[in-house]
Amino acid sequence: MVCLRVRALKDRRLGTAVIAVICGPVLAMLCVAARQANPGKSAAGYKKIALIIRVSDQRGNPVAPSSVKDIQVTEHGRKLQVVDGPKSAGPKQIALLIDSNFHQRKVLQLEQQTAVEMLSEFEKEKAQALVMSYGAEIHSSGELTDDFRGLKNFTSSLRVETDKRNETVLLYDTMKRAIEKLSDGPGTKAIVIFAEGNDNGSSIGWKDVTRLAHRSHIACYVVLFADHSFYGTKAIRRYGWHLVFDVAPKTGGRLWEVGDNSRKAHQAAQQLVLTLGSQGLVEILVPDVHLNRFHPVKVTSPGYRVSAQTGYFDNGIH
């Protein structure tokens, strides 16, 4: 306001000089405010991002991410500056996605049993969860909740779709809805996908789903259920190629192959619960570029096994 009033002076050069004198402190304050308004960016052409990591000891036992004190992150061999973490992001917020399309008619009950087992474990913690089923239609338990009895009842009430001619499987659309449910506020966020693995008919693709997960720091874990084998190139390409080799690793998740084996399903549920306890975030500085590409990174720490999202989209994380 002061600067605008000075413009009424007749001597334009004097006016300019006076503006410079008066606005010097104001400009300094504005610069500080601009930096505070953009905490993810720095004057040196870098921006701060967070990567999802999972930590275990040398024997493979999951440990709290805060126990790691010396962590290194590199991109193409170049060391990136770690500015915070590793640390837990807060209480768990979990979305369980259950494949109920017609092809899952022989394994849906096993999916349900495994989901209920996991919900029972989350109930022991200060966690919140929701459950969604998908096929040609999407059904949801609602918002995140700690009403685990209600979640178990919803899960047990799910039924397999009956139209065997309908090949629609809205996996990625369901993941998008789950991400929207998990996006608000802090927390250790994860989507656990029980699936045959394929998508057909969604309005969004795997790359966009991965970008959305990055922005909200959500790890995507995949448990493959089916009454057939997933082995062999043709099988993987038909059942979840991008889910297995792109979405899960790029978001810091991992894969379990269960098939229709109840023993494997129980082991996967136990390992998933432990794995979520080791999930955390590490904040780093990366070049502030906008090339619309994926940048692979490597995360290590002496004395620990560190698994991390395999990289970041330069315009996909805030």
Protein backbone atom coordinates (compact mmCIF):
# COMPACT_ATOMS: atom_id res chain seq x y z
CA MET A 1 0.00 0.00 0.00
CA VAL A 2 2.83 2.44 0.82
CA CYS A 3 4.53 1.74 -2.50
CA LEU A 4 1.41 2.52 -4.51
CA ARG A 5 0.99 5.89 -2.81
CA VAL A 6 4.56 6.97 -3.60
CA ARG A 7 3.83 6.64 -7.34
CA ALA A 8 2.02 10.03 -7.11
CA LEU A 9 5.39 11.83 -6.89
CA LYS A 10 6.22 13.97 -9.94
CA ASP A 11 9.85 12.91 -10.12
CA ARG A 12 9.61 9.35 -11.44
CA ARG A 13 13.27 8.61 -10.67
CA LEU A 14 12.85 9.89 -7.12
CA GLY A 15 9.70 7.88 -6.81
CA THR A 16 11.57 4.79 -7.89
CA ALA A 17 14.35 5.51 -5.42
CA VAL A 18 11.92 6.05 -2.58
CA ILE A 19 10.10 2.85 -3.42
CA ALA A 20 13.37 0.97 -3.27
CA VAL A 21 14.21 2.38 0.13
CA ILE A 22 10.77 1.83 1.61
CA CYS A 23 10.20 -1.63 0.14
CA GLY A 24 13.57 -3.15 0.98
CA PRO A 25 12.42 -4.68 4.30
CA VAL A 26 9.04 -5.45 2.81
CA LEU A 27 10.62 -7.34 -0.08
CA ALA A 28 12.68 -9.34 2.36
CA MET A 29 9.53 -10.25 4.24
CA LEU A 30 7.81 -11.21 1.00
CA CYS A 31 10.69 -13.47 0.03
CA VAL A 32 10.49 -15.26 3.39
CA ALA A 33 6.73 -15.60 3.00
CA ALA A 34 7.14 -17.01 -0.49
CA ARG A 35 9.55 -19.66 0.80
CA GLN A 36 7.16 -20.54 3.62
CA ALA A 37 4.26 -20.80 1.17
CA ASN A 38 6.27 -23.28 -0.93
CA PRO A 39 7.99 -25.54 1.64
CA GLY A 40 8.61 -28.22 -1.00
CA LYS A 41 10.87 -25.97 -3.05
CA SER A 42 14.26 -24.37 -2.44
CA ALA A 43 16.07 -21.44 -4.04
CA ALA A 44 18.79 -23.75 -5.33
CA GLY A 45 16.46 -25.46 -7.81
CA TYR A 46 15.59 -28.42 -5.60
CA LYS A 47 12.34 -29.60 -4.06
CA LYS A 48 11.61 -31.77 -1.05
CA ILE A 49 9.77 -35.05 -1.56
CA ALA A 50 8.99 -38.06 0.61
CA LEU A 51 9.70 -41.68 -0.30
CA ILE A 52 8.01 -44.72 1.22
CA ILE A 53 10.44 -47.21 2.72
CA ARG A 54 10.20 -50.52 4.58
CA VAL A 55 12.97 -51.63 6.93
CA SER A 56 14.04 -55.03 8.24
CA ASP A 57 17.10 -56.37 10.03
CA GLN A 58 19.67 -58.63 8.41
CA ARG A 59 17.49 -61.65 9.19
CA GLY A 60 14.54 -60.13 7.40
CA ASN A 61 12.54 -59.24 10.51
CA PRO A 62 10.63 -55.95 10.08
CA VAL A 63 11.77 -53.11 12.35
CA ALA A 64 10.51 -49.62 13.08
CA PRO A 65 11.76 -47.14 10.44
CA SER A 66 12.92 -44.72 13.16
CA SER A 67 15.55 -47.26 14.23
CA VAL A 68 17.56 -46.51 11.08
CA LYS A 69 19.95 -43.60 11.65
CA ASP A 70 22.22 -43.69 8.61
CA ILE A 71 20.26 -43.90 5.37
CA GLN A 72 21.50 -43.11 1.88
CA VAL A 73 19.47 -42.33 -1.23
CA THR A 74 21.02 -42.21 -4.69
CA GLU A 75 19.75 -41.46 -8.18
CA HIS A 76 21.91 -42.85 -11.00
CA GLY A 77 24.75 -43.15 -8.49
CA ARG A 78 24.48 -39.52 -7.34
CA LYS A 79 23.82 -39.08 -3.63
CA LEU A 80 20.67 -37.13 -2.73
CA GLN A 81 20.40 -35.08 0.45
CA VAL A 82 18.27 -36.63 3.19
CA VAL A 83 16.53 -33.87 5.14
CA ASP A 84 14.30 -35.88 7.50
CA GLY A 85 13.55 -39.43 8.57
CA PRO A 86 13.18 -42.27 8.28
CA LYS A 87 10.14 -42.03 10.52
CA SER A 88 6.65 -43.41 10.89
CA ALA A 89 3.97 -41.33 9.20
CA GLY A 90 1.46 -42.01 12.00
CA PRO A 91 -1.37 -44.44 12.75
CA LYS A 92 -2.25 -46.97 10.08
CA GLN A 93 -4.93 -46.20 7.49
CA ILE A 94 -5.66 -49.27 5.38
CA ALA A 95 -7.93 -49.89 2.41
CA LEU A 96 -8.62 -53.58 1.68
CA LEU A 97 -9.69 -54.22 -1.92
CA ILE A 98 -11.31 -57.59 -2.71
CA ASP A 99 -11.70 -58.96 -6.23
CA SER A 100 -15.24 -60.34 -6.56
CA ASN A 101 -15.53 -60.75 -10.32
CA PHE A 102 -16.95 -63.99 -11.70
CA HIS A 103 -13.51 -65.56 -12.21
CA GLN A 104 -12.92 -65.42 -8.44
CA ARG A 105 -15.93 -67.60 -7.55
CA LYS A 106 -13.69 -70.42 -6.27
CA VAL A 107 -11.42 -68.22 -4.16
CA LEU A 108 -13.63 -65.37 -2.93
CA GLN A 109 -14.26 -67.16 0.36
CA LEU A 110 -10.50 -67.44 0.92
CA GLU A 111 -10.11 -63.73 0.13
CA GLN A 112 -12.80 -62.93 2.69
CA GLN A 113 -11.27 -65.15 5.37
CA THR A 114 -7.86 -63.56 4.84
CA ALA A 115 -9.31 -60.04 4.96
CA VAL A 116 -11.17 -60.78 8.22
CA GLU A 117 -7.95 -62.17 9.71
CA MET A 118 -6.10 -58.98 8.82
CA LEU A 119 -8.89 -56.78 10.17
CA SER A 120 -8.66 -58.63 13.48
CA GLU A 121 -4.97 -57.74 13.68
CA PHE A 122 -5.59 -54.09 12.82
CA GLU A 123 -8.24 -53.98 15.52
CA LYS A 124 -5.51 -54.50 18.12
CA GLU A 125 -3.82 -51.27 17.03
CA LYS A 126 -4.88 -47.63 16.73
CA ALA A 127 -5.74 -48.19 13.09
CA GLN A 128 -8.55 -47.30 10.73
CA ALA A 129 -9.65 -49.25 7.70
CA LEU A 130 -12.21 -49.60 4.95
CA VAL A 131 -13.13 -52.47 2.64
CA MET A 132 -14.09 -52.33 -1.04
CA SER A 133 -15.01 -55.06 -3.51
CA TYR A 134 -14.78 -54.73 -7.26
CA GLY A 135 -15.58 -56.42 -10.53
CA ALA A 136 -18.08 -54.93 -12.95
CA GLU A 137 -19.36 -52.93 -9.96
CA ILE A 138 -17.69 -51.32 -6.95
CA HIS A 139 -19.01 -51.74 -3.42
CA SER A 140 -17.60 -49.95 -0.36
CA SER A 141 -17.96 -50.15 3.40
CA GLY A 142 -17.81 -46.35 3.50
CA GLU A 143 -15.31 -43.98 5.09
CA LEU A 144 -12.28 -44.95 7.16
CA THR A 145 -13.41 -46.32 10.51
CA ASP A 146 -12.27 -48.17 13.60
CA ASP A 147 -15.56 -50.12 13.69
CA PHE A 148 -13.87 -53.40 12.86
CA ARG A 149 -16.93 -55.49 13.70
CA GLY A 150 -18.84 -53.61 11.01
CA LEU A 151 -15.96 -54.04 8.56
CA LYS A 152 -15.85 -57.79 9.19
CA ASN A 153 -19.61 -58.08 8.70
CA PHE A 154 -19.39 -56.14 5.43
CA THR A 155 -16.53 -58.33 4.23
CA SER A 156 -18.40 -61.54 5.05
CA SER A 157 -21.50 -60.28 3.22
CA LEU A 158 -19.74 -59.88 -0.13
CA ARG A 159 -20.89 -62.10 -2.98
CA VAL A 160 -19.21 -63.03 -6.23
CA GLU A 161 -20.60 -61.57 -9.44
CA THR A 162 -22.63 -64.03 -11.48
CA ASP A 163 -22.46 -62.72 -15.06
CA LYS A 164 -19.66 -64.78 -16.57
CA ARG A 165 -19.98 -62.94 -19.90
CA ASN A 166 -19.14 -59.58 -18.34
CA GLU A 167 -15.36 -59.18 -18.50
CA THR A 168 -15.35 -55.77 -16.79
CA VAL A 169 -12.92 -55.58 -13.86
CA LEU A 170 -12.68 -52.06 -12.41
CA LEU A 171 -9.48 -52.57 -10.45
CA TYR A 172 -7.83 -49.20 -11.16
CA ASP A 173 -11.07 -47.26 -10.68
CA THR A 174 -11.43 -48.93 -7.27
CA MET A 175 -7.83 -48.06 -6.39
CA LYS A 176 -8.52 -44.43 -7.33
CA ARG A 177 -11.52 -44.33 -4.99
CA ALA A 178 -9.48 -45.89 -2.21
CA ILE A 179 -6.72 -43.31 -2.69
CA GLU A 180 -9.31 -40.53 -2.40
CA LYS A 181 -10.51 -42.04 0.90
CA LEU A 182 -6.98 -42.21 2.29
CA SER A 183 -5.68 -38.86 1.04
CA ASP A 184 -6.65 -36.52 3.90
CA GLY A 185 -4.25 -35.98 6.78
CA PRO A 186 -1.16 -37.85 8.00
CA GLY A 187 -0.88 -41.57 8.57
CA THR A 188 0.83 -44.77 7.49
CA LYS A 189 -1.27 -45.35 4.40
CA ALA A 190 -1.62 -48.53 2.38
CA ILE A 191 -3.91 -50.20 -0.13
CA VAL A 192 -3.96 -54.00 0.15
CA ILE A 193 -5.24 -55.56 -3.05
CA PHE A 194 -6.61 -59.11 -3.12
CA ALA A 195 -6.81 -59.82 -6.81
CA GLU A 196 -6.47 -62.03 -9.80
CA GLY A 197 -4.61 -58.97 -11.00
CA ASN A 198 -6.19 -57.87 -14.25
CA ASP A 199 -8.10 -54.68 -15.07
CA ASN A 200 -10.61 -54.23 -17.85
CA GLY A 201 -12.77 -51.16 -18.37
CA SER A 202 -11.42 -48.68 -15.82
CA SER A 203 -11.44 -44.97 -16.68
CA ILE A 204 -7.89 -44.57 -15.35
CA GLY A 205 -4.66 -46.41 -16.12
CA TRP A 206 -1.91 -47.81 -13.92
CA LYS A 207 0.43 -44.82 -14.42
CA ASP A 208 -2.14 -42.32 -13.19
CA VAL A 209 -3.03 -44.55 -10.24
CA THR A 210 0.66 -44.72 -9.34
CA ARG A 211 1.04 -40.94 -9.54
CA LEU A 212 -2.00 -40.46 -7.28
CA ALA A 213 -0.57 -42.94 -4.76
CA HIS A 214 2.76 -41.06 -4.82
CA ARG A 215 1.12 -37.74 -4.06
CA SER A 216 -0.57 -39.11 -0.94
CA HIS A 217 2.34 -41.41 0.09
CA ILE A 218 0.27 -44.59 -0.21
CA ALA A 219 1.95 -47.98 -0.63
CA CYS A 220 0.13 -50.60 -2.71
CA TYR A 221 0.50 -54.22 -1.58
CA VAL A 222 -0.71 -57.03 -3.85
CA VAL A 223 -1.85 -60.52 -2.88
CA LEU A 224 -2.68 -62.65 -5.91
CA PHE A 225 -5.63 -65.03 -5.44
CA ALA A 226 -6.86 -67.40 -8.16
CA ASP A 227 -7.71 -71.02 -8.85
CA HIS A 228 -4.93 -71.20 -11.45
CA SER A 229 -1.16 -70.74 -11.58
CA PHE A 230 0.41 -67.32 -12.07
CA TYR A 231 3.63 -68.78 -13.38
CA GLY A 232 4.84 -68.25 -16.93
CA THR A 233 5.08 -65.12 -19.09
CA LYS A 234 1.63 -65.49 -20.62
CA ALA A 235 0.00 -65.91 -17.22
CA ILE A 236 1.65 -62.82 -15.72
CA ARG A 237 0.87 -60.69 -18.77
CA ARG A 238 -2.75 -61.78 -18.59
CA TYR A 239 -3.06 -61.47 -14.84
CA GLY A 240 -1.61 -58.28 -13.43
CA TRP A 241 1.61 -57.47 -15.28
CA HIS A 242 1.45 -53.75 -14.45
CA LEU A 243 0.05 -54.33 -10.96
CA VAL A 244 2.92 -56.69 -10.10
CA PHE A 245 5.86 -55.07 -11.91
CA ASP A 246 4.89 -51.39 -11.87
CA VAL A 247 2.29 -50.28 -9.32
CA ALA A 248 3.49 -52.31 -6.32
CA PRO A 249 7.25 -51.59 -6.54
CA LYS A 250 6.85 -47.98 -7.67
CA THR A 251 4.69 -47.20 -4.62
CA GLY A 252 6.86 -49.02 -2.08
CA GLY A 253 4.62 -52.08 -1.80
CA ARG A 254 5.34 -55.73 -2.40
CA LEU A 255 3.77 -58.92 -3.77
CA TRP A 256 2.50 -62.22 -2.39
CA GLU A 257 1.31 -65.06 -4.63
CA VAL A 258 -1.31 -67.14 -2.83
CA GLY A 259 -3.37 -68.82 -5.54
CA ASP A 260 -5.98 -70.90 -3.70
CA ASN A 261 -3.67 -72.08 -0.90
CA SER A 262 -5.04 -71.28 2.57
CA ARG A 263 -1.64 -71.78 4.23
CA LYS A 264 -0.04 -69.21 1.91
CA ALA A 265 -2.95 -66.85 2.51
CA HIS A 266 -2.46 -67.04 6.28
CA GLN A 267 1.28 -66.43 5.93
CA ALA A 268 0.67 -63.47 3.62
CA ALA A 269 -1.75 -61.92 6.13
CA GLN A 270 0.76 -62.26 8.98
CA GLN A 271 3.62 -60.88 6.90
CA LEU A 272 1.53 -57.98 5.66
CA VAL A 273 0.67 -56.85 9.18
CA LEU A 274 4.35 -56.95 10.18
CA THR A 275 5.41 -55.22 6.97
CA LEU A 276 3.03 -52.33 7.57
CA GLY A 277 4.66 -51.83 10.97
CA SER A 278 7.99 -51.22 9.23
CA GLN A 279 6.60 -48.75 6.68
CA GLY A 280 7.85 -45.20 6.99
CA LEU A 281 8.84 -42.05 5.11
CA VAL A 282 12.18 -40.46 4.33
CA GLU A 283 12.33 -36.89 2.99
CA ILE A 284 14.94 -35.97 0.41
CA LEU A 285 15.86 -33.10 -1.92
CA VAL A 286 15.64 -33.78 -5.65
CA PRO A 287 16.20 -31.50 -8.67
CA ASP A 288 13.10 -29.38 -9.35
CA VAL A 289 12.62 -30.44 -12.96
CA HIS A 290 9.45 -31.09 -14.93
CA LEU A 291 10.31 -33.68 -17.56
CA ASN A 292 7.22 -35.81 -16.96
CA ARG A 293 9.34 -38.88 -16.36
CA PHE A 294 10.07 -41.47 -13.71
CA HIS A 295 13.35 -41.16 -11.82
CA PRO A 296 14.69 -44.42 -10.32
CA VAL A 297 16.31 -44.21 -6.88
CA LYS A 298 18.11 -46.62 -4.58
CA VAL A 299 17.82 -46.51 -0.78
CA THR A 300 20.33 -48.26 1.50
CA SER A 301 21.43 -48.29 5.14
CA PRO A 302 24.38 -50.17 6.70
CA GLY A 303 23.21 -53.08 8.82
CA TYR A 304 19.64 -53.05 7.54
CA ARG A 305 17.63 -54.29 4.58
CA VAL A 306 15.74 -51.36 3.11
CA SER A 307 13.00 -51.71 0.52
CA ALA A 308 11.67 -48.50 -0.97
CA GLN A 309 9.52 -47.23 -3.76
CA THR A 310 11.73 -47.64 -6.79
CA GLY A 311 11.61 -43.98 -7.77
CA TYR A 312 9.46 -40.90 -8.25
CA PHE A 313 7.70 -39.00 -11.03
CA ASP A 314 9.25 -35.53 -11.23
CA ASN A 315 5.78 -33.95 -11.43
CA GLY A 316 3.99 -36.58 -9.40
CA ILE A 317 4.97 -36.02 -5.76
CA HIS A 318 4.34 -33.04 -3.49
